[in-house]
């Protein structure tokens, strides 16, 4: 069972999703320094979550059709985030405010367990990513992402994939050719 689809359907049945204005290509949903405690469901399109240090952008995560996305640090703490969330193409979203979402989650044990399972999955994915970045070669990182998320290469410009894989676009291009 796809946990995100199940969550979407339960929130949809409860009538809790709110429409969000469509984002144009390259438009930002969220910028650094802003607080956003909403949870978003990607109806169509593609988003990227990134940070900027003094030298470059670092892509951390992508959101595609059928996924949820948030400035998770801001969602959890209610404080401003260092993250940017940008539409990579025209993107349609639904959103739910944190207060409404938490009331939904806490309304019964099944909803609470579903949220717990989703958070576990997200933590595990983040741990895998960290391990890949710390211990795997660029080729191994590429192969794992290709296996785990083949749609990435259809949806996302290669410069952002390279940033996500912590390699230069030239290195990614060489790996893809070999």
N, C-alpha and C. Protein backbone atom coordinates (compact mmCIF):
# COMPACT_ATOMS: atom_id res chain seq x y z
N UNK A 1 0.84 -1.18 0.00
CA UNK A 1 0.00 0.00 0.00
C UNK A 1 0.88 1.25 0.00
N UNK A 2 0.56 2.20 -0.83
CA UNK A 2 1.26 3.48 -0.88
C UNK A 2 0.73 4.36 0.26
N UNK A 3 1.59 4.64 1.22
CA UNK A 3 1.18 5.38 2.40
C UNK A 3 0.69 6.79 2.07
N UNK A 4 1.38 7.45 1.15
CA UNK A 4 1.01 8.83 0.80
C UNK A 4 -0.35 8.85 0.11
N UNK A 5 -0.60 7.92 -0.80
CA UNK A 5 -1.91 7.85 -1.45
C UNK A 5 -3.02 7.61 -0.43
N UNK A 6 -2.74 6.73 0.50
CA UNK A 6 -3.72 6.42 1.54
C UNK A 6 -4.01 7.67 2.39
N UNK A 7 -2.94 8.38 2.76
CA UNK A 7 -3.11 9.62 3.53
C UNK A 7 -3.92 10.64 2.72
N UNK A 8 -3.54 10.81 1.45
CA UNK A 8 -4.27 11.75 0.59
C UNK A 8 -5.75 11.42 0.56
N UNK A 9 -6.06 10.16 0.34
CA UNK A 9 -7.46 9.74 0.23
C UNK A 9 -8.24 9.97 1.53
N UNK A 10 -7.59 9.70 2.65
CA UNK A 10 -8.27 9.91 3.94
C UNK A 10 -8.55 11.40 4.19
N UNK A 11 -7.58 12.25 3.86
CA UNK A 11 -7.78 13.70 4.03
C UNK A 11 -8.82 14.20 3.04
N UNK A 12 -8.79 13.64 1.83
CA UNK A 12 -9.76 14.01 0.80
C UNK A 12 -11.18 13.63 1.23
N UNK A 13 -11.34 12.43 1.74
CA UNK A 13 -12.64 11.96 2.22
C UNK A 13 -13.16 12.85 3.35
N UNK A 14 -12.25 13.32 4.19
CA UNK A 14 -12.64 14.20 5.30
C UNK A 14 -12.88 15.64 4.82
N UNK A 15 -12.56 15.92 3.55
CA UNK A 15 -12.78 17.26 2.99
C UNK A 15 -11.88 18.32 3.57
N UNK A 16 -10.65 17.94 3.91
CA UNK A 16 -9.75 18.88 4.58
C UNK A 16 -8.72 19.55 3.67
N UNK A 17 -8.54 19.03 2.46
CA UNK A 17 -7.58 19.67 1.55
C UNK A 17 -8.09 21.03 1.14
N UNK A 18 -7.20 21.98 1.03
CA UNK A 18 -7.50 23.30 0.49
C UNK A 18 -6.72 23.45 -0.81
N UNK A 19 -7.35 24.08 -1.80
CA UNK A 19 -6.64 24.33 -3.06
C UNK A 19 -5.57 25.39 -2.83
N UNK A 20 -4.49 25.27 -3.58
CA UNK A 20 -3.41 26.23 -3.51
C UNK A 20 -3.24 26.79 -4.92
N UNK A 21 -2.96 28.09 -5.05
CA UNK A 21 -2.77 28.63 -6.41
C UNK A 21 -1.67 27.86 -7.15
N UNK A 22 -1.90 27.62 -8.43
CA UNK A 22 -0.93 26.90 -9.25
C UNK A 22 0.39 27.67 -9.30
N UNK A 23 1.48 26.94 -9.20
CA UNK A 23 2.81 27.54 -9.30
C UNK A 23 3.30 27.46 -10.74
N UNK A 24 3.90 28.52 -11.22
CA UNK A 24 4.52 28.53 -12.54
C UNK A 24 5.91 27.93 -12.44
N UNK A 25 6.47 27.58 -13.58
CA UNK A 25 7.83 27.06 -13.64
C UNK A 25 8.78 28.06 -12.98
N UNK A 26 9.64 27.57 -12.11
CA UNK A 26 10.66 28.32 -11.37
C UNK A 26 10.10 29.20 -10.25
N UNK A 27 8.80 29.21 -10.05
CA UNK A 27 8.21 30.00 -8.97
C UNK A 27 8.48 29.30 -7.63
N UNK A 28 8.68 30.10 -6.60
CA UNK A 28 8.95 29.54 -5.27
C UNK A 28 7.67 29.41 -4.46
N UNK A 29 7.51 28.27 -3.86
CA UNK A 29 6.45 28.03 -2.89
C UNK A 29 6.85 28.61 -1.55
N UNK A 30 8.14 28.53 -1.24
CA UNK A 30 8.68 28.97 0.02
C UNK A 30 10.10 29.44 -0.16
N UNK A 31 10.47 30.50 0.55
CA UNK A 31 11.85 31.00 0.50
C UNK A 31 12.45 31.01 1.89
N UNK A 32 13.76 31.05 1.92
CA UNK A 32 14.51 31.08 3.18
C UNK A 32 14.02 32.22 4.06
N UNK A 33 13.93 31.94 5.34
CA UNK A 33 13.55 32.96 6.31
C UNK A 33 12.05 33.06 6.55
N UNK A 34 11.27 32.34 5.74
CA UNK A 34 9.82 32.37 5.94
C UNK A 34 9.40 31.16 6.77
N UNK A 35 8.26 31.31 7.40
CA UNK A 35 7.69 30.22 8.19
C UNK A 35 6.51 29.66 7.42
N UNK A 36 6.48 28.35 7.27
CA UNK A 36 5.37 27.71 6.56
C UNK A 36 5.08 26.39 7.26
N UNK A 37 3.93 26.32 7.91
CA UNK A 37 3.58 25.11 8.66
C UNK A 37 2.50 24.31 7.93
N UNK A 38 2.41 24.49 6.63
CA UNK A 38 1.43 23.73 5.86
C UNK A 38 2.09 22.48 5.26
N UNK A 39 1.26 21.48 5.04
CA UNK A 39 1.66 20.26 4.37
C UNK A 39 1.04 20.30 2.98
N UNK A 40 1.82 19.97 1.96
CA UNK A 40 1.36 20.06 0.57
C UNK A 40 1.33 18.68 -0.07
N UNK A 41 0.33 18.48 -0.91
CA UNK A 41 0.23 17.28 -1.72
C UNK A 41 0.41 17.71 -3.17
N UNK A 42 1.32 17.06 -3.89
CA UNK A 42 1.61 17.42 -5.27
C UNK A 42 0.62 16.70 -6.19
N UNK A 43 -0.31 17.46 -6.76
CA UNK A 43 -1.31 16.93 -7.69
C UNK A 43 -0.65 16.68 -9.04
N UNK A 44 0.14 17.64 -9.50
CA UNK A 44 0.89 17.50 -10.74
C UNK A 44 2.09 18.44 -10.67
N UNK A 45 3.11 18.11 -11.45
CA UNK A 45 4.30 18.95 -11.47
C UNK A 45 5.43 18.37 -10.66
N UNK A 46 6.47 19.17 -10.49
CA UNK A 46 7.67 18.75 -9.77
C UNK A 46 8.23 19.94 -9.00
N UNK A 47 8.66 19.66 -7.77
CA UNK A 47 9.27 20.68 -6.91
C UNK A 47 10.63 20.20 -6.44
N UNK A 48 11.45 21.15 -6.04
CA UNK A 48 12.70 20.78 -5.38
C UNK A 48 12.83 21.59 -4.11
N UNK A 49 13.44 20.97 -3.10
CA UNK A 49 13.76 21.62 -1.84
C UNK A 49 15.27 21.81 -1.86
N UNK A 50 15.71 23.04 -1.56
CA UNK A 50 17.15 23.30 -1.57
C UNK A 50 17.54 24.34 -0.54
N UNK A 51 18.83 24.40 -0.28
CA UNK A 51 19.43 25.42 0.58
C UNK A 51 20.54 26.09 -0.22
N UNK A 52 20.91 27.25 0.23
CA UNK A 52 22.02 27.98 -0.41
C UNK A 52 23.06 28.27 0.66
N UNK A 53 24.31 27.90 0.38
CA UNK A 53 25.39 28.34 1.25
C UNK A 53 26.07 29.51 0.53
N UNK A 54 27.18 29.93 1.01
CA UNK A 54 27.79 31.11 0.41
C UNK A 54 28.30 30.87 -1.01
N UNK A 55 28.41 29.62 -1.43
CA UNK A 55 28.97 29.33 -2.73
C UNK A 55 27.99 28.76 -3.74
N UNK A 56 27.02 27.95 -3.29
CA UNK A 56 26.15 27.27 -4.26
C UNK A 56 24.86 26.79 -3.62
N UNK A 57 23.96 26.34 -4.50
CA UNK A 57 22.71 25.73 -4.08
C UNK A 57 22.95 24.24 -3.88
N UNK A 58 22.25 23.68 -2.89
CA UNK A 58 22.33 22.25 -2.62
C UNK A 58 20.91 21.69 -2.59
N UNK A 59 20.58 20.87 -3.58
CA UNK A 59 19.26 20.26 -3.65
C UNK A 59 19.19 19.12 -2.65
N UNK A 60 18.13 19.14 -1.85
CA UNK A 60 17.99 18.16 -0.77
C UNK A 60 16.93 17.12 -1.06
N UNK A 61 15.86 17.54 -1.72
CA UNK A 61 14.73 16.64 -1.92
C UNK A 61 13.92 17.10 -3.12
N UNK A 62 13.17 16.17 -3.69
CA UNK A 62 12.24 16.49 -4.78
C UNK A 62 10.84 16.05 -4.39
N UNK A 63 9.86 16.71 -4.95
CA UNK A 63 8.47 16.31 -4.78
C UNK A 63 7.84 16.15 -6.15
N UNK A 64 7.18 15.04 -6.38
CA UNK A 64 6.55 14.74 -7.66
C UNK A 64 5.07 14.52 -7.45
N UNK A 65 4.40 14.31 -8.56
CA UNK A 65 2.98 13.98 -8.51
C UNK A 65 2.78 12.81 -7.54
N UNK A 66 1.82 13.01 -6.61
CA UNK A 66 1.51 11.94 -5.66
C UNK A 66 2.36 11.93 -4.40
N UNK A 67 3.17 12.95 -4.21
CA UNK A 67 3.99 12.98 -2.99
C UNK A 67 3.57 14.15 -2.10
N UNK A 68 4.00 14.09 -0.85
CA UNK A 68 3.77 15.22 0.04
C UNK A 68 5.10 15.95 0.21
N UNK A 69 4.99 17.23 0.46
CA UNK A 69 6.20 18.03 0.64
C UNK A 69 5.89 19.14 1.64
N UNK A 70 6.91 19.53 2.37
CA UNK A 70 6.78 20.60 3.35
C UNK A 70 8.17 21.12 3.66
N UNK A 71 8.21 22.32 4.21
CA UNK A 71 9.44 22.80 4.83
C UNK A 71 9.40 22.15 6.22
N UNK A 72 9.88 20.93 6.29
CA UNK A 72 9.65 20.09 7.46
C UNK A 72 10.17 20.73 8.75
N UNK A 73 11.30 21.43 8.66
CA UNK A 73 11.81 22.08 9.88
C UNK A 73 10.81 23.13 10.39
N UNK A 74 10.26 23.91 9.49
CA UNK A 74 9.28 24.94 9.85
C UNK A 74 7.96 24.29 10.27
N UNK A 75 7.57 23.23 9.58
CA UNK A 75 6.34 22.50 9.91
C UNK A 75 6.40 22.00 11.35
N UNK A 76 7.55 21.46 11.74
CA UNK A 76 7.71 20.87 13.08
C UNK A 76 7.85 21.95 14.16
N UNK A 77 8.68 22.96 13.89
CA UNK A 77 9.02 23.93 14.94
C UNK A 77 8.16 25.19 14.93
N UNK A 78 7.55 25.50 13.78
CA UNK A 78 6.82 26.76 13.66
C UNK A 78 7.73 27.96 13.51
N UNK A 79 9.00 27.72 13.26
CA UNK A 79 9.99 28.80 13.13
C UNK A 79 10.41 28.96 11.67
N UNK A 80 11.04 30.09 11.34
CA UNK A 80 11.51 30.28 9.96
C UNK A 80 12.48 29.17 9.54
N UNK A 81 12.45 28.87 8.26
CA UNK A 81 13.24 27.78 7.68
C UNK A 81 14.36 28.33 6.81
N UNK A 82 15.41 27.56 6.68
CA UNK A 82 16.49 27.89 5.74
C UNK A 82 16.22 27.35 4.35
N UNK A 83 15.15 26.59 4.18
CA UNK A 83 14.87 25.93 2.92
C UNK A 83 14.12 26.82 1.93
N UNK A 84 14.38 26.53 0.68
CA UNK A 84 13.60 27.07 -0.43
C UNK A 84 12.85 25.89 -1.03
N UNK A 85 11.64 26.13 -1.50
CA UNK A 85 10.90 25.12 -2.26
C UNK A 85 10.49 25.78 -3.57
N UNK A 86 10.92 25.20 -4.69
CA UNK A 86 10.74 25.80 -6.01
C UNK A 86 10.07 24.81 -6.96
N UNK A 87 9.13 25.32 -7.74
CA UNK A 87 8.50 24.51 -8.80
C UNK A 87 9.47 24.43 -9.97
N UNK A 88 9.73 23.22 -10.45
CA UNK A 88 10.60 23.04 -11.61
C UNK A 88 9.81 23.05 -12.91
N UNK A 89 8.52 22.90 -12.79
CA UNK A 89 7.59 23.06 -13.91
C UNK A 89 6.25 23.45 -13.31
N UNK A 90 5.29 23.76 -14.16
CA UNK A 90 3.98 24.15 -13.66
C UNK A 90 3.50 23.09 -12.67
N UNK A 91 3.09 23.52 -11.49
CA UNK A 91 2.77 22.59 -10.41
C UNK A 91 1.44 22.94 -9.75
N UNK A 92 0.62 21.92 -9.59
CA UNK A 92 -0.66 22.06 -8.91
C UNK A 92 -0.56 21.36 -7.56
N UNK A 93 -0.99 22.04 -6.51
CA UNK A 93 -0.89 21.53 -5.15
C UNK A 93 -2.23 21.59 -4.43
N UNK A 94 -2.34 20.74 -3.44
CA UNK A 94 -3.37 20.88 -2.41
C UNK A 94 -2.61 21.10 -1.12
N UNK A 95 -3.23 21.77 -0.18
CA UNK A 95 -2.52 21.98 1.08
C UNK A 95 -3.48 21.83 2.26
N UNK A 96 -2.86 21.58 3.39
CA UNK A 96 -3.61 21.48 4.63
C UNK A 96 -2.78 22.17 5.72
N UNK A 97 -3.40 23.11 6.46
CA UNK A 97 -2.67 23.76 7.56
C UNK A 97 -2.31 22.76 8.65
N UNK A 98 -1.22 23.02 9.35
CA UNK A 98 -0.75 22.10 10.38
C UNK A 98 -1.80 21.87 11.46
N UNK A 99 -2.47 22.91 11.90
CA UNK A 99 -3.46 22.73 12.96
C UNK A 99 -4.56 21.77 12.52
N UNK A 100 -5.05 21.95 11.32
CA UNK A 100 -6.08 21.05 10.78
C UNK A 100 -5.53 19.64 10.63
N UNK A 101 -4.30 19.55 10.13
CA UNK A 101 -3.69 18.25 9.91
C UNK A 101 -3.49 17.50 11.24
N UNK A 102 -2.99 18.20 12.24
CA UNK A 102 -2.73 17.54 13.52
C UNK A 102 -4.04 17.11 14.19
N UNK A 103 -5.09 17.89 14.04
CA UNK A 103 -6.40 17.46 14.55
C UNK A 103 -6.84 16.18 13.85
N UNK A 104 -6.64 16.13 12.53
CA UNK A 104 -6.97 14.94 11.74
C UNK A 104 -6.16 13.74 12.22
N UNK A 105 -4.85 13.91 12.36
CA UNK A 105 -3.96 12.83 12.78
C UNK A 105 -4.36 12.30 14.15
N UNK A 106 -4.68 13.19 15.05
CA UNK A 106 -4.98 12.79 16.42
C UNK A 106 -6.44 12.38 16.62
N UNK A 107 -7.22 12.40 15.56
CA UNK A 107 -8.64 12.07 15.68
C UNK A 107 -8.89 10.57 15.87
N UNK A 108 -7.94 9.73 15.44
CA UNK A 108 -8.08 8.29 15.70
C UNK A 108 -6.74 7.59 15.58
N UNK A 109 -6.69 6.39 16.09
CA UNK A 109 -5.43 5.63 16.14
C UNK A 109 -4.91 5.29 14.75
N UNK A 110 -5.82 5.00 13.81
CA UNK A 110 -5.38 4.66 12.45
C UNK A 110 -4.67 5.83 11.79
N UNK A 111 -5.20 7.04 11.93
CA UNK A 111 -4.56 8.22 11.34
C UNK A 111 -3.21 8.48 11.98
N UNK A 112 -3.14 8.33 13.30
CA UNK A 112 -1.88 8.53 14.01
C UNK A 112 -0.84 7.51 13.56
N UNK A 113 -1.24 6.27 13.39
CA UNK A 113 -0.31 5.22 12.93
C UNK A 113 0.16 5.51 11.50
N UNK A 114 -0.74 5.96 10.65
CA UNK A 114 -0.38 6.29 9.28
C UNK A 114 0.67 7.39 9.25
N UNK A 115 0.48 8.46 10.02
CA UNK A 115 1.46 9.55 10.09
C UNK A 115 2.78 9.04 10.64
N UNK A 116 2.72 8.20 11.65
CA UNK A 116 3.93 7.61 12.22
C UNK A 116 4.68 6.81 11.16
N UNK A 117 3.96 6.00 10.39
CA UNK A 117 4.58 5.19 9.33
C UNK A 117 5.21 6.06 8.26
N UNK A 118 4.55 7.14 7.89
CA UNK A 118 5.10 8.06 6.88
C UNK A 118 6.37 8.72 7.40
N UNK A 119 6.35 9.16 8.65
CA UNK A 119 7.55 9.78 9.22
C UNK A 119 8.70 8.78 9.30
N UNK A 120 8.41 7.54 9.68
CA UNK A 120 9.45 6.51 9.69
C UNK A 120 10.06 6.33 8.31
N UNK A 121 9.20 6.27 7.31
CA UNK A 121 9.66 6.11 5.93
C UNK A 121 10.55 7.28 5.52
N UNK A 122 10.15 8.50 5.88
CA UNK A 122 10.94 9.69 5.54
C UNK A 122 12.30 9.68 6.24
N UNK A 123 12.33 9.29 7.51
CA UNK A 123 13.58 9.23 8.25
C UNK A 123 14.49 8.17 7.62
N UNK A 124 13.94 7.03 7.29
CA UNK A 124 14.73 5.97 6.66
C UNK A 124 15.32 6.44 5.33
N UNK A 125 14.50 7.09 4.50
CA UNK A 125 14.98 7.60 3.22
C UNK A 125 16.10 8.61 3.43
N UNK A 126 15.96 9.46 4.43
CA UNK A 126 17.00 10.44 4.71
C UNK A 126 18.29 9.77 5.17
N UNK A 127 18.16 8.73 5.98
CA UNK A 127 19.34 7.98 6.42
C UNK A 127 20.05 7.33 5.24
N UNK A 128 19.28 6.73 4.32
CA UNK A 128 19.87 6.14 3.13
C UNK A 128 20.63 7.18 2.32
N UNK A 129 20.00 8.34 2.15
CA UNK A 129 20.64 9.42 1.39
C UNK A 129 21.94 9.86 2.04
N UNK A 130 21.92 10.05 3.35
CA UNK A 130 23.13 10.46 4.06
C UNK A 130 24.23 9.42 3.91
N UNK A 131 23.86 8.16 4.05
CA UNK A 131 24.85 7.10 3.88
C UNK A 131 25.44 7.13 2.49
N UNK A 132 24.58 7.28 1.48
CA UNK A 132 25.06 7.35 0.10
C UNK A 132 26.05 8.50 -0.09
N UNK A 133 25.70 9.66 0.44
CA UNK A 133 26.56 10.83 0.25
C UNK A 133 27.90 10.66 0.96
N UNK A 134 27.90 9.97 2.09
CA UNK A 134 29.13 9.83 2.87
C UNK A 134 30.00 8.66 2.43
N UNK A 135 29.40 7.60 1.90
CA UNK A 135 30.19 6.39 1.68
C UNK A 135 30.20 5.87 0.24
N UNK A 136 29.35 6.37 -0.61
CA UNK A 136 29.25 5.82 -1.96
C UNK A 136 29.97 6.68 -2.99
N UNK A 137 30.43 6.03 -4.02
CA UNK A 137 31.05 6.74 -5.13
C UNK A 137 29.96 7.46 -5.93
N UNK A 138 30.32 8.42 -6.76
CA UNK A 138 29.32 9.07 -7.62
C UNK A 138 28.53 8.07 -8.47
N UNK A 139 29.20 7.05 -9.01
CA UNK A 139 28.51 6.04 -9.82
C UNK A 139 27.50 5.28 -8.97
N UNK A 140 27.89 4.87 -7.76
CA UNK A 140 26.97 4.15 -6.88
C UNK A 140 25.77 5.02 -6.50
N UNK A 141 25.99 6.29 -6.23
CA UNK A 141 24.88 7.20 -5.89
C UNK A 141 23.92 7.31 -7.07
N UNK A 142 24.47 7.46 -8.26
CA UNK A 142 23.66 7.55 -9.48
C UNK A 142 22.81 6.29 -9.64
N UNK A 143 23.44 5.13 -9.53
CA UNK A 143 22.73 3.86 -9.73
C UNK A 143 21.62 3.66 -8.70
N UNK A 144 21.87 4.03 -7.44
CA UNK A 144 20.85 3.88 -6.40
C UNK A 144 19.66 4.79 -6.65
N UNK A 145 19.93 6.03 -7.04
CA UNK A 145 18.84 6.97 -7.30
C UNK A 145 18.06 6.53 -8.54
N UNK A 146 18.76 6.05 -9.55
CA UNK A 146 18.09 5.57 -10.76
C UNK A 146 17.16 4.40 -10.43
N UNK A 147 17.61 3.52 -9.57
CA UNK A 147 16.79 2.37 -9.17
C UNK A 147 15.63 2.80 -8.29
N UNK A 148 15.89 3.70 -7.33
CA UNK A 148 14.89 4.12 -6.35
C UNK A 148 13.86 5.08 -6.96
N UNK A 149 14.30 5.97 -7.84
CA UNK A 149 13.42 7.02 -8.37
C UNK A 149 13.67 7.24 -9.86
N UNK A 150 13.30 6.29 -10.70
CA UNK A 150 13.58 6.45 -12.13
C UNK A 150 12.87 7.66 -12.74
N UNK A 151 11.72 8.07 -12.16
CA UNK A 151 11.00 9.22 -12.70
C UNK A 151 11.80 10.50 -12.55
N UNK A 152 12.74 10.53 -11.64
CA UNK A 152 13.58 11.71 -11.43
C UNK A 152 14.21 12.17 -12.74
N UNK A 153 14.69 11.21 -13.53
CA UNK A 153 15.41 11.54 -14.76
C UNK A 153 14.48 11.98 -15.88
N UNK A 154 13.19 11.78 -15.71
CA UNK A 154 12.19 12.25 -16.67
C UNK A 154 11.67 13.63 -16.28
N UNK A 155 11.68 13.92 -14.99
CA UNK A 155 11.00 15.10 -14.44
C UNK A 155 11.92 16.28 -14.14
N UNK A 156 13.19 16.02 -13.85
CA UNK A 156 14.06 17.02 -13.26
C UNK A 156 15.25 17.33 -14.17
N UNK A 157 15.54 18.62 -14.37
CA UNK A 157 16.75 18.98 -15.13
C UNK A 157 18.01 18.39 -14.48
N UNK A 158 18.95 17.98 -15.32
CA UNK A 158 20.14 17.28 -14.84
C UNK A 158 20.98 18.10 -13.87
N UNK A 159 20.98 19.43 -13.99
CA UNK A 159 21.79 20.22 -13.06
C UNK A 159 21.29 20.08 -11.62
N UNK A 160 19.98 19.87 -11.44
CA UNK A 160 19.43 19.69 -10.10
C UNK A 160 19.66 18.26 -9.60
N UNK A 161 19.62 17.31 -10.52
CA UNK A 161 19.94 15.93 -10.13
C UNK A 161 21.40 15.86 -9.69
N UNK A 162 22.28 16.51 -10.44
CA UNK A 162 23.70 16.53 -10.07
C UNK A 162 23.88 17.15 -8.69
N UNK A 163 23.19 18.25 -8.42
CA UNK A 163 23.26 18.89 -7.11
C UNK A 163 22.78 17.93 -6.02
N UNK A 164 21.68 17.25 -6.28
CA UNK A 164 21.12 16.28 -5.32
C UNK A 164 22.12 15.15 -5.05
N UNK A 165 22.82 14.72 -6.10
CA UNK A 165 23.80 13.63 -5.96
C UNK A 165 25.17 14.11 -5.50
N UNK A 166 25.29 15.43 -5.29
CA UNK A 166 26.54 16.06 -4.85
C UNK A 166 27.68 15.77 -5.81
N UNK A 167 27.41 16.09 -7.09
CA UNK A 167 28.43 15.98 -8.11
C UNK A 167 28.21 17.10 -9.12
N UNK A 168 29.18 17.31 -9.97
CA UNK A 168 29.01 18.34 -10.99
C UNK A 168 28.13 17.80 -12.11
N UNK A 169 27.49 18.68 -12.86
CA UNK A 169 26.71 18.23 -14.01
C UNK A 169 27.57 17.45 -15.02
N UNK A 170 28.84 17.83 -15.13
CA UNK A 170 29.75 17.13 -16.05
C UNK A 170 29.99 15.69 -15.59
N UNK A 171 30.17 15.50 -14.30
CA UNK A 171 30.35 14.14 -13.76
C UNK A 171 29.10 13.30 -14.01
N UNK A 172 27.93 13.88 -13.77
CA UNK A 172 26.69 13.15 -14.03
C UNK A 172 26.58 12.77 -15.50
N UNK A 173 26.92 13.68 -16.37
CA UNK A 173 26.87 13.40 -17.80
C UNK A 173 27.82 12.26 -18.18
N UNK A 174 29.03 12.27 -17.63
CA UNK A 174 30.00 11.19 -17.92
C UNK A 174 29.49 9.84 -17.43
N UNK A 175 28.89 9.83 -16.23
CA UNK A 175 28.37 8.58 -15.66
C UNK A 175 27.24 8.06 -16.52
N UNK A 176 26.35 8.94 -16.94
CA UNK A 176 25.21 8.49 -17.76
C UNK A 176 25.67 7.91 -19.09
N UNK A 177 26.76 8.43 -19.65
CA UNK A 177 27.26 7.95 -20.94
C UNK A 177 27.97 6.60 -20.82
N UNK A 178 28.52 6.32 -19.62
CA UNK A 178 29.29 5.07 -19.47
C UNK A 178 28.44 3.87 -19.20
